[in-house]
Amino acid sequence: MGLKTERKIVKVAGSFKEVVTVKDEAGKVLHKIINPLMITFRLKDVLQVIVGASILAIPVAFTEETWKLGESLPLLNIILLMALSLTFISLFIYYNYYREHLKEHWEEFTKRALSTYMIAFLVVALILTIIQMAPWSTDLLLAFKRIVLVAFPASMSGAVADTIK
């Protein structure tokens, strides 16, 4: 059977929707499916990332193992962990939001991936500063290393929380 599928993106009440139309060989519409598209990064998404990042940042930030690991790991490993985190977030966001729409929405994809990581990073920095485990005035590098370590799981949970609608 020669079914034909057409996809179109429309904006309804300020939100993007994908309209998928399935037609038969004669052009008769068999099905119309409307899927919400979450290609824009809004305030609601930011708040979800903050809460999601906090979910894993809090227990990990309060562990002595993390603090000591920040002291012992070389900077190269920390940078690699940051790159790995950004890669995982990007892949997760790509497969959940932009898989079929990346060409048209490359900028939004980049903004969402980088913003998710930066928000998680800032949440972790705040938590570690509050519990006095980010020694900004005495050892800036150690503070950075500890934040990156905790931001790894925090950014993942932030990205996952962002998918909950």
Protein backbone atom coordinates (compact mmCIF):
# COMPACT_ATOMS: atom_id res chain seq x y z
CA MET A 1 0.00 0.00 0.00
CA GLY A 2 1.49 3.38 -1.00
CA LEU A 3 0.88 5.64 1.96
CA LYS A 4 2.21 9.17 1.82
CA THR A 5 3.18 11.11 4.94
CA GLU A 6 3.38 14.88 5.11
CA ARG A 7 4.78 16.82 8.06
CA LYS A 8 4.10 20.48 8.73
CA ILE A 9 4.97 22.68 11.69
CA VAL A 10 2.35 25.18 12.79
CA LYS A 11 2.10 27.61 15.68
CA VAL A 12 -1.09 27.34 17.73
CA ALA A 13 -1.69 29.66 20.70
CA GLY A 14 2.02 30.44 20.98
CA SER A 15 3.13 26.78 20.90
CA PHE A 16 4.61 24.86 18.00
CA LYS A 17 2.82 21.72 16.84
CA GLU A 18 3.76 19.16 14.22
CA VAL A 19 0.88 18.09 12.02
CA VAL A 20 1.47 14.68 10.45
CA THR A 21 -0.94 13.86 7.66
CA VAL A 22 -1.14 10.31 6.29
CA LYS A 23 -2.71 9.96 2.85
CA ASP A 24 -3.45 6.97 0.65
CA GLU A 25 -2.37 6.60 -3.00
CA ALA A 26 -5.33 8.66 -4.20
CA GLY A 27 -4.48 11.53 -1.84
CA LYS A 28 -7.33 10.89 0.57
CA VAL A 29 -6.46 11.81 4.16
CA LEU A 30 -6.44 8.70 6.35
CA HIS A 31 -5.05 10.15 9.58
CA LYS A 32 -4.01 13.50 10.99
CA ILE A 33 -1.86 13.51 14.07
CA ILE A 34 -0.94 16.63 16.00
CA ASN A 35 2.17 16.37 18.17
CA PRO A 36 3.44 19.11 20.44
CA LEU A 37 6.92 20.31 19.50
CA MET A 38 9.16 21.51 22.26
CA ILE A 39 11.71 23.28 20.15
CA THR A 40 11.75 26.56 22.08
CA PHE A 41 13.39 26.91 25.49
CA ARG A 42 10.99 28.84 27.71
CA LEU A 43 10.89 29.95 31.33
CA LYS A 44 8.95 26.81 32.26
CA ASP A 45 11.78 24.71 30.80
CA VAL A 46 14.37 26.70 32.74
CA LEU A 47 12.49 26.08 35.98
CA GLN A 48 12.22 22.37 35.22
CA VAL A 49 15.97 22.17 34.59
CA ILE A 50 16.65 23.96 37.89
CA VAL A 51 14.47 21.54 39.84
CA GLY A 52 15.79 18.53 37.93
CA ALA A 53 19.41 19.56 38.45
CA SER A 54 18.76 19.99 42.16
CA ILE A 55 17.40 16.46 42.43
CA LEU A 56 20.82 14.89 41.86
CA ALA A 57 23.03 17.86 42.77
CA ILE A 58 21.94 17.86 46.40
CA PRO A 59 22.84 14.28 47.33
CA VAL A 60 26.04 14.24 45.25
CA ALA A 61 27.23 17.66 46.47
CA PHE A 62 26.99 16.56 50.09
CA THR A 63 29.37 13.61 49.72
CA GLU A 64 32.95 13.76 50.89
CA GLU A 65 33.97 11.41 48.06
CA THR A 66 33.03 14.08 45.53
CA TRP A 67 35.00 16.74 47.38
CA LYS A 68 38.10 14.52 47.51
CA LEU A 69 37.72 13.46 43.89
CA GLY A 70 37.72 17.13 42.94
CA GLU A 71 41.04 17.50 44.73
CA SER A 72 42.68 14.47 43.13
CA LEU A 73 41.50 14.46 39.50
CA PRO A 74 43.68 16.27 36.97
CA LEU A 75 42.15 19.21 35.10
CA LEU A 76 42.21 17.27 31.82
CA ASN A 77 39.89 14.63 33.31
CA ILE A 78 37.56 17.35 34.57
CA ILE A 79 37.44 18.95 31.11
CA LEU A 80 36.75 15.53 29.56
CA LEU A 81 33.95 14.96 32.07
CA MET A 82 32.47 18.34 31.14
CA ALA A 83 32.68 17.45 27.43
CA LEU A 84 31.09 14.06 28.10
CA SER A 85 28.29 15.73 30.01
CA LEU A 86 27.61 18.16 27.16
CA THR A 87 27.67 15.26 24.70
CA PHE A 88 25.17 13.21 26.71
CA ILE A 89 22.87 16.21 27.18
CA SER A 90 23.05 17.04 23.47
CA LEU A 91 22.24 13.47 22.45
CA PHE A 92 19.35 13.27 24.91
CA ILE A 93 17.92 16.59 23.75
CA TYR A 94 18.40 15.69 20.10
CA TYR A 95 16.52 12.41 20.40
CA ASN A 96 13.73 13.88 22.52
CA TYR A 97 13.10 17.17 20.72
CA TYR A 98 14.98 17.74 17.48
CA ARG A 99 15.48 14.37 15.79
CA GLU A 100 13.47 15.29 12.72
CA HIS A 101 13.78 19.07 12.99
CA LEU A 102 17.46 19.80 13.61
CA LYS A 103 18.15 21.56 10.31
CA GLU A 104 15.43 24.15 10.88
CA HIS A 105 16.07 24.57 14.61
CA TRP A 106 19.84 24.21 15.03
CA GLU A 107 20.08 27.43 17.06
CA GLU A 108 17.33 26.39 19.48
CA PHE A 109 18.97 22.97 19.89
CA THR A 110 22.32 24.57 20.72
CA LYS A 111 20.69 27.06 23.08
CA ARG A 112 18.78 24.32 24.89
CA ALA A 113 21.80 22.03 25.30
CA LEU A 114 24.17 24.75 26.49
CA SER A 115 21.53 26.37 28.70
CA THR A 116 20.71 23.05 30.35
CA TYR A 117 24.36 22.51 31.24
CA MET A 118 24.92 26.09 32.39
CA ILE A 119 21.81 26.09 34.57
CA ALA A 120 22.88 22.83 36.19
CA PHE A 121 26.40 24.23 36.63
CA LEU A 122 25.03 27.33 38.36
CA VAL A 123 22.71 25.31 40.60
CA VAL A 124 25.66 23.17 41.68
CA ALA A 125 27.87 26.24 42.19
CA LEU A 126 25.22 27.76 44.44
CA ILE A 127 24.79 24.57 46.48
CA LEU A 128 28.53 24.01 46.90
CA THR A 129 29.01 27.67 47.83
CA ILE A 130 26.27 27.48 50.45
CA ILE A 131 27.78 24.39 52.08
CA GLN A 132 31.24 25.98 51.80
CA MET A 133 32.73 23.34 49.52
CA ALA A 134 33.50 25.73 46.65
CA PRO A 135 36.53 27.64 47.96
CA TRP A 136 36.25 30.61 45.59
CA SER A 137 38.63 32.90 47.45
CA THR A 138 41.36 30.34 48.23
CA ASP A 139 41.30 27.76 45.42
CA LEU A 140 39.32 28.73 42.33
CA LEU A 141 40.46 25.64 40.41
CA LEU A 142 39.26 23.28 43.15
CA ALA A 143 35.89 25.03 43.23
CA PHE A 144 35.59 24.63 39.46
CA LYS A 145 36.58 20.95 39.56
CA ARG A 146 34.05 20.13 42.27
CA ILE A 147 31.30 21.96 40.42
CA VAL A 148 32.01 20.11 37.17
CA LEU A 149 31.98 16.77 39.01
CA VAL A 150 28.60 17.40 40.59
CA ALA A 151 27.25 19.08 37.44
CA PHE A 152 27.68 15.81 35.52
CA PRO A 153 24.75 14.00 37.18
CA ALA A 154 22.90 17.25 37.88
CA SER A 155 22.84 18.23 34.21
CA MET A 156 21.55 14.80 33.24
CA SER A 157 18.70 14.98 35.75
CA GLY A 158 18.00 18.53 34.62
CA ALA A 159 17.69 17.42 31.00
CA VAL A 160 15.41 14.53 31.97
CA ALA A 161 13.21 16.77 34.13
CA ASP A 162 12.84 19.14 31.19
CA THR A 163 11.08 16.40 29.21
CA ILE A 164 8.32 16.06 31.81
CA LYS A 165 5.38 18.10 30.61
